[in-house]
Amino acid sequence: MKTFNTILALVAGTVVALPTTEKNATFPAKMGSRGHGVCRDFLYSVPSCCSTDVLGILDLDCSTPSTTWDLHGTCASIGKSAHCCTLDLSNGLGLGVLCNGFISE
């Protein structure tokens, strides 16, 4: 029984963690929980606009951008820089965890 519950929890966690896209979504996409391919690295996949970077471990005063069409421009318009983070705690805390600077292609 414990094995079944463990496997069920792993499968459910994987399904919940998979990013989804809206059917027939057009670019620029409105931001959801993931960046729709803007931040392409698996670990650093959440786009954020942050003011201060502390050794790439913690970013301060972060917010979620409203659109990803021009991430640099969107962040610059509010006086912040574009980052790709592992975890975005901008709702309430304003923190980004494990962030890299965004490099456009």
PDB file of N, CA and C in Angstrom:
ATOM      1  N   MET A   1       0.819  -1.186   0.000  1.00  0.00           N
ATOM      2  CA  MET A   1       0.000   0.000   0.000  1.00  0.00           C
ATOM      3  C   MET A   1       0.869   1.258   0.000  1.00  0.00           C
ATOM      4  N   LYS A   2       1.978   1.227   0.740  1.00  0.00           N
ATOM      5  CA  LYS A   2       2.860   2.386   0.773  1.00  0.00           C
ATOM      6  C   LYS A   2       3.488   2.638  -0.593  1.00  0.00           C
ATOM      7  N   THR A   3       3.820   1.571  -1.300  1.00  0.00           N
ATOM      8  CA  THR A   3       4.413   1.709  -2.628  1.00  0.00           C
ATOM      9  C   THR A   3       3.420   2.356  -3.588  1.00  0.00           C
ATOM     10  N   PHE A   4       2.177   1.922  -3.550  1.00  0.00           N
ATOM     11  CA  PHE A   4       1.144   2.491  -4.409  1.00  0.00           C
ATOM     12  C   PHE A   4       0.963   3.976  -4.123  1.00  0.00           C
ATOM     13  N   ASN A   5       0.896   4.357  -2.849  1.00  0.00           N
ATOM     14  CA  ASN A   5       0.729   5.762  -2.478  1.00  0.00           C
ATOM     15  C   ASN A   5       1.925   6.597  -2.917  1.00  0.00           C
ATOM     16  N   THR A   6       3.117   6.047  -2.802  1.00  0.00           N
ATOM     17  CA  THR A   6       4.319   6.760  -3.227  1.00  0.00           C
ATOM     18  C   THR A   6       4.304   6.996  -4.728  1.00  0.00           C
ATOM     19  N   ILE A   7       3.988   5.967  -5.494  1.00  0.00           N
ATOM     20  CA  ILE A   7       3.936   6.106  -6.951  1.00  0.00           C
ATOM     21  C   ILE A   7       2.834   7.082  -7.348  1.00  0.00           C
ATOM     22  N   LEU A   8       1.682   6.999  -6.715  1.00  0.00           N
ATOM     23  CA  LEU A   8       0.579   7.905  -7.001  1.00  0.00           C
ATOM     24  C   LEU A   8       0.971   9.355  -6.709  1.00  0.00           C
ATOM     25  N   ALA A   9       1.657   9.597  -5.611  1.00  0.00           N
ATOM     26  CA  ALA A   9       2.100  10.944  -5.267  1.00  0.00           C
ATOM     27  C   ALA A   9       3.110  11.474  -6.277  1.00  0.00           C
ATOM     28  N   LEU A  10       4.038  10.633  -6.723  1.00  0.00           N
ATOM     29  CA  LEU A  10       5.020  11.059  -7.719  1.00  0.00           C
ATOM     30  C   LEU A  10       4.363  11.390  -9.051  1.00  0.00           C
ATOM     31  N   VAL A  11       3.444  10.561  -9.494  1.00  0.00           N
ATOM     32  CA  VAL A  11       2.749  10.818 -10.762  1.00  0.00           C
ATOM     33  C   VAL A  11       1.909  12.088 -10.660  1.00  0.00           C
ATOM     34  N   ALA A  12       1.188  12.250  -9.575  1.00  0.00           N
ATOM     35  CA  ALA A  12       0.367  13.446  -9.397  1.00  0.00           C
ATOM     36  C   ALA A  12       1.232  14.698  -9.331  1.00  0.00           C
ATOM     37  N   GLY A  13       2.354  14.629  -8.654  1.00  0.00           N
ATOM     38  CA  GLY A  13       3.264  15.768  -8.583  1.00  0.00           C
ATOM     39  C   GLY A  13       3.851  16.123  -9.931  1.00  0.00           C
ATOM     40  N   THR A  14       4.155  15.130 -10.732  1.00  0.00           N
ATOM     41  CA  THR A  14       4.693  15.376 -12.065  1.00  0.00           C
ATOM     42  C   THR A  14       3.647  16.017 -12.960  1.00  0.00           C
ATOM     43  N   VAL A  15       2.435  15.535 -12.913  1.00  0.00           N
ATOM     44  CA  VAL A  15       1.368  16.088 -13.746  1.00  0.00           C
ATOM     45  C   VAL A  15       1.077  17.531 -13.358  1.00  0.00           C
ATOM     46  N   VAL A  16       1.056  17.826 -12.084  1.00  0.00           N
ATOM     47  CA  VAL A  16       0.795  19.186 -11.626  1.00  0.00           C
ATOM     48  C   VAL A  16       1.937  20.115 -12.014  1.00  0.00           C
ATOM     49  N   ALA A  17       3.160  19.627 -12.021  1.00  0.00           N
ATOM     50  CA  ALA A  17       4.322  20.466 -12.292  1.00  0.00           C
ATOM     51  C   ALA A  17       4.536  20.747 -13.775  1.00  0.00           C
ATOM     52  N   LEU A  18       3.902  19.994 -14.665  1.00  0.00           N
ATOM     53  CA  LEU A  18       4.103  20.214 -16.091  1.00  0.00           C
ATOM     54  C   LEU A  18       3.474  21.532 -16.519  1.00  0.00           C
ATOM     55  N   PRO A  19       4.235  22.387 -17.220  1.00  0.00           N
ATOM     56  CA  PRO A  19       3.660  23.648 -17.692  1.00  0.00           C
ATOM     57  C   PRO A  19       2.644  23.377 -18.803  1.00  0.00           C
ATOM     58  N   THR A  20       1.613  24.171 -18.825  1.00  0.00           N
ATOM     59  CA  THR A  20       0.600  24.028 -19.860  1.00  0.00           C
ATOM     60  C   THR A  20       0.481  25.323 -20.640  1.00  0.00           C
ATOM     61  N   THR A  21       0.007  25.226 -21.849  1.00  0.00           N
ATOM     62  CA  THR A  21      -0.253  26.421 -22.647  1.00  0.00           C
ATOM     63  C   THR A  21      -1.714  26.411 -23.051  1.00  0.00           C
ATOM     64  N   GLU A  22      -2.259  27.595 -23.215  1.00  0.00           N
ATOM     65  CA  GLU A  22      -3.642  27.685 -23.639  1.00  0.00           C
ATOM     66  C   GLU A  22      -3.741  27.292 -25.104  1.00  0.00           C
ATOM     67  N   LYS A  23      -4.823  26.634 -25.461  1.00  0.00           N
ATOM     68  CA  LYS A  23      -5.027  26.227 -26.843  1.00  0.00           C
ATOM     69  C   LYS A  23      -5.191  27.478 -27.703  1.00  0.00           C
ATOM     70  N   ASN A  24      -4.497  27.496 -28.828  1.00  0.00           N
ATOM     71  CA  ASN A  24      -4.525  28.616 -29.764  1.00  0.00           C
ATOM     72  C   ASN A  24      -3.991  29.908 -29.150  1.00  0.00           C
ATOM     73  N   ALA A  25      -3.059  29.810 -28.216  1.00  0.00           N
ATOM     74  CA  ALA A  25      -2.467  31.005 -27.616  1.00  0.00           C
ATOM     75  C   ALA A  25      -1.637  31.736 -28.660  1.00  0.00           C
ATOM     76  N   THR A  26      -1.682  33.040 -28.627  1.00  0.00           N
ATOM     77  CA  THR A  26      -0.915  33.848 -29.571  1.00  0.00           C
ATOM     78  C   THR A  26       0.197  34.551 -28.835  1.00  0.00           C
ATOM     79  N   PHE A  27       1.236  34.883 -29.553  1.00  0.00           N
ATOM     80  CA  PHE A  27       2.364  35.589 -28.965  1.00  0.00           C
ATOM     81  C   PHE A  27       2.171  37.060 -29.228  1.00  0.00           C
ATOM     82  N   PRO A  28       2.338  37.982 -28.330  1.00  0.00           N
ATOM     83  CA  PRO A  28       2.868  37.795 -26.991  1.00  0.00           C
ATOM     84  C   PRO A  28       1.832  37.205 -26.041  1.00  0.00           C
ATOM     85  N   ALA A  29       2.273  36.260 -25.267  1.00  0.00           N
ATOM     86  CA  ALA A  29       1.367  35.596 -24.332  1.00  0.00           C
ATOM     87  C   ALA A  29       1.319  36.366 -23.026  1.00  0.00           C
ATOM     88  N   LYS A  30       0.161  36.413 -22.426  1.00  0.00           N
ATOM     89  CA  LYS A  30       0.064  36.962 -21.085  1.00  0.00           C
ATOM     90  C   LYS A  30       0.747  35.995 -20.141  1.00  0.00           C
ATOM     91  N   MET A  31       1.330  36.521 -19.102  1.00  0.00           N
ATOM     92  CA  MET A  31       2.110  35.679 -18.216  1.00  0.00           C
ATOM     93  C   MET A  31       1.227  34.822 -17.331  1.00  0.00           C
ATOM     94  N   GLY A  32       1.589  33.554 -17.236  1.00  0.00           N
ATOM     95  CA  GLY A  32       0.986  32.642 -16.279  1.00  0.00           C
ATOM     96  C   GLY A  32       2.050  32.346 -15.243  1.00  0.00           C
ATOM     97  N   SER A  33       2.156  31.113 -14.832  1.00  0.00           N
ATOM     98  CA  SER A  33       3.177  30.758 -13.862  1.00  0.00           C
ATOM     99  C   SER A  33       4.518  30.492 -14.527  1.00  0.00           C
ATOM    100  N   ARG A  34       4.502  30.170 -15.814  1.00  0.00           N
ATOM    101  CA  ARG A  34       5.735  29.920 -16.559  1.00  0.00           C
ATOM    102  C   ARG A  34       5.831  30.886 -17.717  1.00  0.00           C
ATOM    103  N   GLY A  35       7.001  31.008 -18.295  1.00  0.00           N
ATOM    104  CA  GLY A  35       7.250  32.029 -19.288  1.00  0.00           C
ATOM    105  C   GLY A  35       6.971  31.675 -20.718  1.00  0.00           C
ATOM    106  N   HIS A  36       6.329  30.566 -20.996  1.00  0.00           N
ATOM    107  CA  HIS A  36       5.984  30.186 -22.360  1.00  0.00           C
ATOM    108  C   HIS A  36       7.200  30.181 -23.263  1.00  0.00           C
ATOM    109  N   GLY A  37       8.339  29.703 -22.789  1.00  0.00           N
ATOM    110  CA  GLY A  37       9.509  29.556 -23.635  1.00  0.00           C
ATOM    111  C   GLY A  37      10.457  30.730 -23.658  1.00  0.00           C
ATOM    112  N   VAL A  38      10.191  31.799 -22.937  1.00  0.00           N
ATOM    113  CA  VAL A  38      11.094  32.946 -22.933  1.00  0.00           C
ATOM    114  C   VAL A  38      12.376  32.591 -22.204  1.00  0.00           C
ATOM    115  N   CYS A  39      12.269  32.025 -21.043  1.00  0.00           N
ATOM    116  CA  CYS A  39      13.416  31.525 -20.295  1.00  0.00           C
ATOM    117  C   CYS A  39      13.487  30.031 -20.579  1.00  0.00           C
ATOM    118  N   ARG A  40      14.397  29.637 -21.449  1.00  0.00           N
ATOM    119  CA  ARG A  40      14.386  28.285 -21.995  1.00  0.00           C
ATOM    120  C   ARG A  40      15.092  27.248 -21.125  1.00  0.00           C
ATOM    121  N   ASP A  41      15.925  27.670 -20.195  1.00  0.00           N
ATOM    122  CA  ASP A  41      16.619  26.724 -19.332  1.00  0.00           C
ATOM    123  C   ASP A  41      15.614  26.065 -18.388  1.00  0.00           C
ATOM    124  N   PHE A  42      15.725  24.754 -18.215  1.00  0.00           N
ATOM    125  CA  PHE A  42      14.777  24.019 -17.374  1.00  0.00           C
ATOM    126  C   PHE A  42      14.793  24.526 -15.936  1.00  0.00           C
ATOM    127  N   LEU A  43      15.975  24.772 -15.391  1.00  0.00           N
ATOM    128  CA  LEU A  43      16.077  25.212 -14.004  1.00  0.00           C
ATOM    129  C   LEU A  43      15.645  26.667 -13.848  1.00  0.00           C
ATOM    130  N   TYR A  44      16.052  27.520 -14.763  1.00  0.00           N
ATOM    131  CA  TYR A  44      15.737  28.947 -14.700  1.00  0.00           C
ATOM    132  C   TYR A  44      14.636  29.253 -15.708  1.00  0.00           C
ATOM    133  N   SER A  45      13.400  28.896 -15.393  1.00  0.00           N
ATOM    134  CA  SER A  45      12.326  28.973 -16.379  1.00  0.00           C
ATOM    135  C   SER A  45      11.249  30.011 -16.079  1.00  0.00           C
ATOM    136  N   VAL A  46      11.381  30.762 -14.994  1.00  0.00           N
ATOM    137  CA  VAL A  46      10.356  31.734 -14.624  1.00  0.00           C
ATOM    138  C   VAL A  46      10.884  33.151 -14.856  1.00  0.00           C
ATOM    139  N   PRO A  47      10.317  33.890 -15.826  1.00  0.00           N
ATOM    140  CA  PRO A  47      10.770  35.264 -16.063  1.00  0.00           C
ATOM    141  C   PRO A  47      10.321  36.188 -14.934  1.00  0.00           C
ATOM    142  N   SER A  48      11.222  37.078 -14.521  1.00  0.00           N
ATOM    143  CA  SER A  48      10.931  38.022 -13.449  1.00  0.00           C
ATOM    144  C   SER A  48      11.633  39.340 -13.730  1.00  0.00           C
ATOM    145  N   CYS A  49      11.070  40.416 -13.207  1.00  0.00           N
ATOM    146  CA  CYS A  49      11.700  41.736 -13.251  1.00  0.00           C
ATOM    147  C   CYS A  49      12.168  42.046 -11.834  1.00  0.00           C
ATOM    148  N   CYS A  50      13.493  42.162 -11.630  1.00  0.00           N
ATOM    149  CA  CYS A  50      14.042  42.345 -10.285  1.00  0.00           C
ATOM    150  C   CYS A  50      14.965  43.557 -10.241  1.00  0.00           C
ATOM    151  N   SER A  51      15.067  44.161  -9.059  1.00  0.00           N
ATOM    152  CA  SER A  51      15.923  45.330  -8.880  1.00  0.00           C
ATOM    153  C   SER A  51      17.333  44.966  -8.456  1.00  0.00           C
ATOM    154  N   THR A  52      17.479  44.077  -7.497  1.00  0.00           N
ATOM    155  CA  THR A  52      18.780  43.773  -6.917  1.00  0.00           C
ATOM    156  C   THR A  52      19.054  42.279  -6.956  1.00  0.00           C
ATOM    157  N   ASP A  53      20.259  41.909  -7.409  1.00  0.00           N
ATOM    158  CA  ASP A  53      20.673  40.509  -7.454  1.00  0.00           C
ATOM    159  C   ASP A  53      21.736  40.286  -6.390  1.00  0.00           C
ATOM    160  N   VAL A  54      21.551  39.268  -5.554  1.00  0.00           N
ATOM    161  CA  VAL A  54      22.510  38.934  -4.507  1.00  0.00           C
ATOM    162  C   VAL A  54      23.175  37.611  -4.876  1.00  0.00           C
ATOM    163  N   LEU A  55      24.302  37.690  -5.580  1.00  0.00           N
ATOM    164  CA  LEU A  55      25.121  36.537  -5.960  1.00  0.00           C
ATOM    165  C   LEU A  55      24.366  35.467  -6.752  1.00  0.00           C
ATOM    166  N   GLY A  56      23.297  35.834  -7.438  1.00  0.00           N
ATOM    167  CA  GLY A  56      22.534  34.877  -8.222  1.00  0.00           C
ATOM    168  C   GLY A  56      21.712  33.909  -7.395  1.00  0.00           C
ATOM    169  N   ILE A  57      21.747  34.072  -6.079  1.00  0.00           N
ATOM    170  CA  ILE A  57      21.004  33.179  -5.192  1.00  0.00           C
ATOM    171  C   ILE A  57      19.633  33.757  -4.863  1.00  0.00           C
ATOM    172  N   LEU A  58      19.598  35.053  -4.605  1.00  0.00           N
ATOM    173  CA  LEU A  58      18.360  35.704  -4.211  1.00  0.00           C
ATOM    174  C   LEU A  58      18.270  37.055  -4.905  1.00  0.00           C
ATOM    175  N   ASP A  59      17.147  37.331  -5.509  1.00  0.00           N
ATOM    176  CA  ASP A  59      16.902  38.630  -6.125  1.00  0.00           C
ATOM    177  C   ASP A  59      15.815  39.338  -5.330  1.00  0.00           C
ATOM    178  N   LEU A  60      16.001  40.643  -5.132  1.00  0.00           N
ATOM    179  CA  LEU A  60      15.099  41.419  -4.299  1.00  0.00           C
ATOM    180  C   LEU A  60      14.221  42.329  -5.140  1.00  0.00           C
ATOM    181  N   ASP A  61      13.094  42.703  -4.595  1.00  0.00           N
ATOM    182  CA  ASP A  61      12.128  43.603  -5.223  1.00  0.00           C
ATOM    183  C   ASP A  61      11.735  43.105  -6.612  1.00  0.00           C
ATOM    184  N   CYS A  62      11.303  41.855  -6.692  1.00  0.00           N
ATOM    185  CA  CYS A  62      10.912  41.243  -7.971  1.00  0.00           C
ATOM    186  C   CYS A  62       9.415  41.384  -8.209  1.00  0.00           C
ATOM    187  N   SER A  63       9.062  41.406  -9.474  1.00  0.00           N
ATOM    188  CA  SER A  63       7.657  41.393  -9.873  1.00  0.00           C
ATOM    189  C   SER A  63       7.522  40.553 -11.129  1.00  0.00           C
ATOM    190  N   THR A  64       6.334  40.049 -11.362  1.00  0.00           N
ATOM    191  CA  THR A  64       6.069  39.241 -12.544  1.00  0.00           C
ATOM    192  C   THR A  64       5.733  40.170 -13.703  1.00  0.00           C
ATOM    193  N   PRO A  65       6.435  40.038 -14.840  1.00  0.00           N
ATOM    194  CA  PRO A  65       6.138  40.911 -15.983  1.00  0.00           C
ATOM    195  C   PRO A  65       4.761  40.609 -16.557  1.00  0.00           C
ATOM    196  N   SER A  66       4.105  41.643 -17.091  1.00  0.00           N
ATOM    197  CA  SER A  66       2.759  41.465 -17.633  1.00  0.00           C
ATOM    198  C   SER A  66       2.770  40.783 -18.990  1.00  0.00           C
ATOM    199  N   THR A  67       3.869  40.895 -19.732  1.00  0.00           N
ATOM    200  CA  THR A  67       3.982  40.263 -21.038  1.00  0.00           C
ATOM    201  C   THR A  67       5.430  39.858 -21.276  1.00  0.00           C
ATOM    202  N   THR A  68       5.632  38.889 -22.161  1.00  0.00           N
ATOM    203  CA  THR A  68       6.994  38.439 -22.449  1.00  0.00           C
ATOM    204  C   THR A  68       7.455  38.856 -23.832  1.00  0.00           C
ATOM    205  N   TRP A  69       6.654  39.626 -24.550  1.00  0.00           N
ATOM    206  CA  TRP A  69       7.014  40.024 -25.904  1.00  0.00           C
ATOM    207  C   TRP A  69       8.373  40.713 -25.918  1.00  0.00           C
ATOM    208  N   ASP A  70       8.576  41.671 -25.028  1.00  0.00           N
ATOM    209  CA  ASP A  70       9.844  42.380 -24.899  1.00  0.00           C
ATOM    210  C   ASP A  70      10.182  42.407 -23.415  1.00  0.00           C
ATOM    211  N   LEU A  71      10.766  41.318 -22.934  1.00  0.00           N
ATOM    212  CA  LEU A  71      11.023  41.188 -21.500  1.00  0.00           C
ATOM    213  C   LEU A  71      11.948  42.290 -20.997  1.00  0.00           C
ATOM    214  N   HIS A  72      13.016  42.596 -21.761  1.00  0.00           N
ATOM    215  CA  HIS A  72      13.919  43.676 -21.353  1.00  0.00           C
ATOM    216  C   HIS A  72      13.166  45.002 -21.264  1.00  0.00           C
ATOM    217  N   GLY A  73      12.373  45.310 -22.282  1.00  0.00           N
ATOM    218  CA  GLY A  73      11.630  46.570 -22.308  1.00  0.00           C
ATOM    219  C   GLY A  73      10.585  46.660 -21.218  1.00  0.00           C
ATOM    220  N   THR A  74       9.894  45.547 -20.974  1.00  0.00           N
ATOM    221  CA  THR A  74       8.869  45.515 -19.933  1.00  0.00           C
ATOM    222  C   THR A  74       9.485  45.779 -18.564  1.00  0.00           C
ATOM    223  N   CYS A  75      10.604  45.133 -18.288  1.00  0.00           N
ATOM    224  CA  CYS A  75      11.266  45.321 -16.991  1.00  0.00           C
ATOM    225  C   CYS A  75      11.894  46.715 -16.890  1.00  0.00           C
ATOM    226  N   ALA A  76      12.502  47.182 -17.985  1.00  0.00           N
ATOM    227  CA  ALA A  76      13.142  48.498 -17.970  1.00  0.00           C
ATOM    228  C   ALA A  76      12.119  49.615 -17.763  1.00  0.00           C
ATOM    229  N   SER A  77      10.899  49.420 -18.250  1.00  0.00           N
ATOM    230  CA  SER A  77       9.873  50.458 -18.109  1.00  0.00           C
ATOM    231  C   SER A  77       9.473  50.686 -16.652  1.00  0.00           C
ATOM    232  N   ILE A  78       9.741  49.715 -15.794  1.00  0.00           N
ATOM    233  CA  ILE A  78       9.446  49.886 -14.367  1.00  0.00           C
ATOM    234  C   ILE A  78      10.727  49.999 -13.537  1.00  0.00           C
ATOM    235  N   GLY A  79      11.858  50.213 -14.226  1.00  0.00           N
ATOM    236  CA  GLY A  79      13.125  50.439 -13.538  1.00  0.00           C
ATOM    237  C   GLY A  79      13.792  49.199 -12.981  1.00  0.00           C
ATOM    238  N   LYS A  80      13.519  48.048 -13.574  1.00  0.00           N
ATOM    239  CA  LYS A  80      14.104  46.797 -13.095  1.00  0.00           C
ATOM    240  C   LYS A  80      14.805  46.092 -14.240  1.00  0.00           C
ATOM    241  N   SER A  81      15.540  45.020 -13.934  1.00  0.00           N
ATOM    242  CA  SER A  81      16.223  44.253 -14.979  1.00  0.00           C
ATOM    243  C   SER A  81      15.576  42.876 -15.118  1.00  0.00           C
ATOM    244  N   ALA A  82      15.679  42.318 -16.331  1.00  0.00           N
ATOM    245  CA  ALA A  82      15.046  41.036 -16.647  1.00  0.00           C
ATOM    246  C   ALA A  82      15.898  39.881 -16.136  1.00  0.00           C
ATOM    247  N   HIS A  83      15.265  38.928 -15.494  1.00  0.00           N
ATOM    248  CA  HIS A  83      15.937  37.742 -14.971  1.00  0.00           C
ATOM    249  C   HIS A  83      15.093  36.508 -15.254  1.00  0.00           C
ATOM    250  N   CYS A  84      15.762  35.358 -15.291  1.00  0.00           N
ATOM    251  CA  CYS A  84      15.087  34.061 -15.353  1.00  0.00           C
ATOM    252  C   CYS A  84      15.383  33.352 -14.040  1.00  0.00           C
ATOM    253  N   CYS A  85      14.340  33.043 -13.284  1.00  0.00           N
ATOM    254  CA  CYS A  85      14.503  32.488 -11.941  1.00  0.00           C
ATOM    255  C   CYS A  85      13.982  31.055 -11.860  1.00  0.00           C
ATOM    256  N   THR A  86      14.418  30.363 -10.816  1.00  0.00           N
ATOM    257  CA  THR A  86      13.913  29.030 -10.536  1.00  0.00           C
ATOM    258  C   THR A  86      12.574  29.117  -9.822  1.00  0.00           C
ATOM    259  N   LEU A  87      12.463  30.039  -8.895  1.00  0.00           N
ATOM    260  CA  LEU A  87      11.256  30.194  -8.095  1.00  0.00           C
ATOM    261  C   LEU A  87      10.965  31.674  -7.949  1.00  0.00           C
ATOM    262  N   ASP A  88       9.729  32.055  -8.192  1.00  0.00           N
ATOM    263  CA  ASP A  88       9.327  33.453  -8.101  1.00  0.00           C
ATOM    264  C   ASP A  88       8.380  33.616  -6.918  1.00  0.00           C
ATOM    265  N   LEU A  89       8.830  34.342  -5.925  1.00  0.00           N
ATOM    266  CA  LEU A  89       8.006  34.617  -4.752  1.00  0.00           C
ATOM    267  C   LEU A  89       7.602  36.085  -4.743  1.00  0.00           C
ATOM    268  N   SER A  90       7.316  36.631  -5.929  1.00  0.00           N
ATOM    269  CA  SER A  90       7.032  38.056  -6.033  1.00  0.00           C
ATOM    270  C   SER A  90       5.664  38.419  -5.468  1.00  0.00           C
ATOM    271  N   ASN A  91       4.760  37.468  -5.380  1.00  0.00           N
ATOM    272  CA  ASN A  91       3.448  37.751  -4.807  1.00  0.00           C
ATOM    273  C   ASN A  91       3.571  37.896  -3.295  1.00  0.00           C
ATOM    274  N   GLY A  92       3.647  39.113  -2.844  1.00  0.00           N
ATOM    275  CA  GLY A  92       3.729  39.369  -1.412  1.00  0.00           C
ATOM    276  C   GLY A  92       5.142  39.577  -0.908  1.00  0.00           C
ATOM    277  N   LEU A  93       6.072  38.696  -1.260  1.00  0.00           N
ATOM    278  CA  LEU A  93       7.434  38.794  -0.737  1.00  0.00           C
ATOM    279  C   LEU A  93       8.365  39.593  -1.646  1.00  0.00           C
ATOM    280  N   GLY A  94       8.144  39.563  -2.944  1.00  0.00           N
ATOM    281  CA  GLY A  94       9.006  40.285  -3.877  1.00  0.00           C
ATOM    282  C   GLY A  94      10.380  39.668  -4.023  1.00  0.00           C
ATOM    283  N   LEU A  95      10.469  38.342  -3.936  1.00  0.00           N
ATOM    284  CA  LEU A  95      11.756  37.657  -4.022  1.00  0.00           C
ATOM    285  C   LEU A  95      11.809  36.730  -5.230  1.00  0.00           C
ATOM    286  N   GLY A  96      12.993  36.625  -5.818  1.00  0.00           N
ATOM    287  CA  GLY A  96      13.266  35.638  -6.847  1.00  0.00           C
ATOM    288  C   GLY A  96      14.395  34.756  -6.344  1.00  0.00           C
ATOM    289  N   VAL A  97      14.252  33.447  -6.467  1.00  0.00           N
ATOM    290  CA  VAL A  97      15.240  32.509  -5.938  1.00  0.00           C
ATOM    291  C   VAL A  97      15.994  31.866  -7.092  1.00  0.00           C
ATOM    292  N   LEU A  98      17.334  31.825  -6.995  1.00  0.00           N
ATOM    293  CA  LEU A  98      18.220  31.267  -8.017  1.00  0.00           C
ATOM    294  C   LEU A  98      17.928  31.876  -9.386  1.00  0.00           C
ATOM    295  N   CYS A  99      18.408  33.089  -9.604  1.00  0.00           N
ATOM    296  CA  CYS A  99      18.115  33.819 -10.841  1.00  0.00           C
ATOM    297  C   CYS A  99      19.368  34.062 -11.672  1.00  0.00           C
ATOM    298  N   ASN A 100      19.180  34.039 -12.989  1.00  0.00           N
ATOM    299  CA  ASN A 100      20.212  34.407 -13.961  1.00  0.00           C
ATOM    300  C   ASN A 100      19.716  35.612 -14.737  1.00  0.00           C
ATOM    301  N   GLY A 101      20.635  36.410 -15.225  1.00  0.00           N
ATOM    302  CA  GLY A 101      20.247  37.508 -16.091  1.00  0.00           C
ATOM    303  C   GLY A 101      19.663  36.972 -17.387  1.00  0.00           C
ATOM    304  N   PHE A 102      18.617  37.618 -17.900  1.00  0.00           N
ATOM    305  CA  PHE A 102      17.961  37.185 -19.132  1.00  0.00           C
ATOM    306  C   PHE A 102      18.810  37.593 -20.327  1.00  0.00           C
ATOM    307  N   ILE A 103      19.069  36.648 -21.226  1.00  0.00           N
ATOM    308  CA  ILE A 103      19.826  36.916 -22.449  1.00  0.00           C
ATOM    309  C   ILE A 103      18.904  36.621 -23.619  1.00  0.00           C
ATOM    310  N   SER A 104      18.577  37.649 -24.397  1.00  0.00           N
ATOM    311  CA  SER A 104      17.689  37.432 -25.541  1.00  0.00           C
ATOM    312  C   SER A 104      18.469  36.804 -26.681  1.00  0.00           C
ATOM    313  N   GLU A 105      17.754  36.076 -27.526  1.00  0.00           N
ATOM    314  CA  GLU A 105      18.408  35.382 -28.633  1.00  0.00           C
ATOM    315  C   GLU A 105      18.549  36.294 -29.814  1.00  0.00           C
TER     316      GLU A 105
END
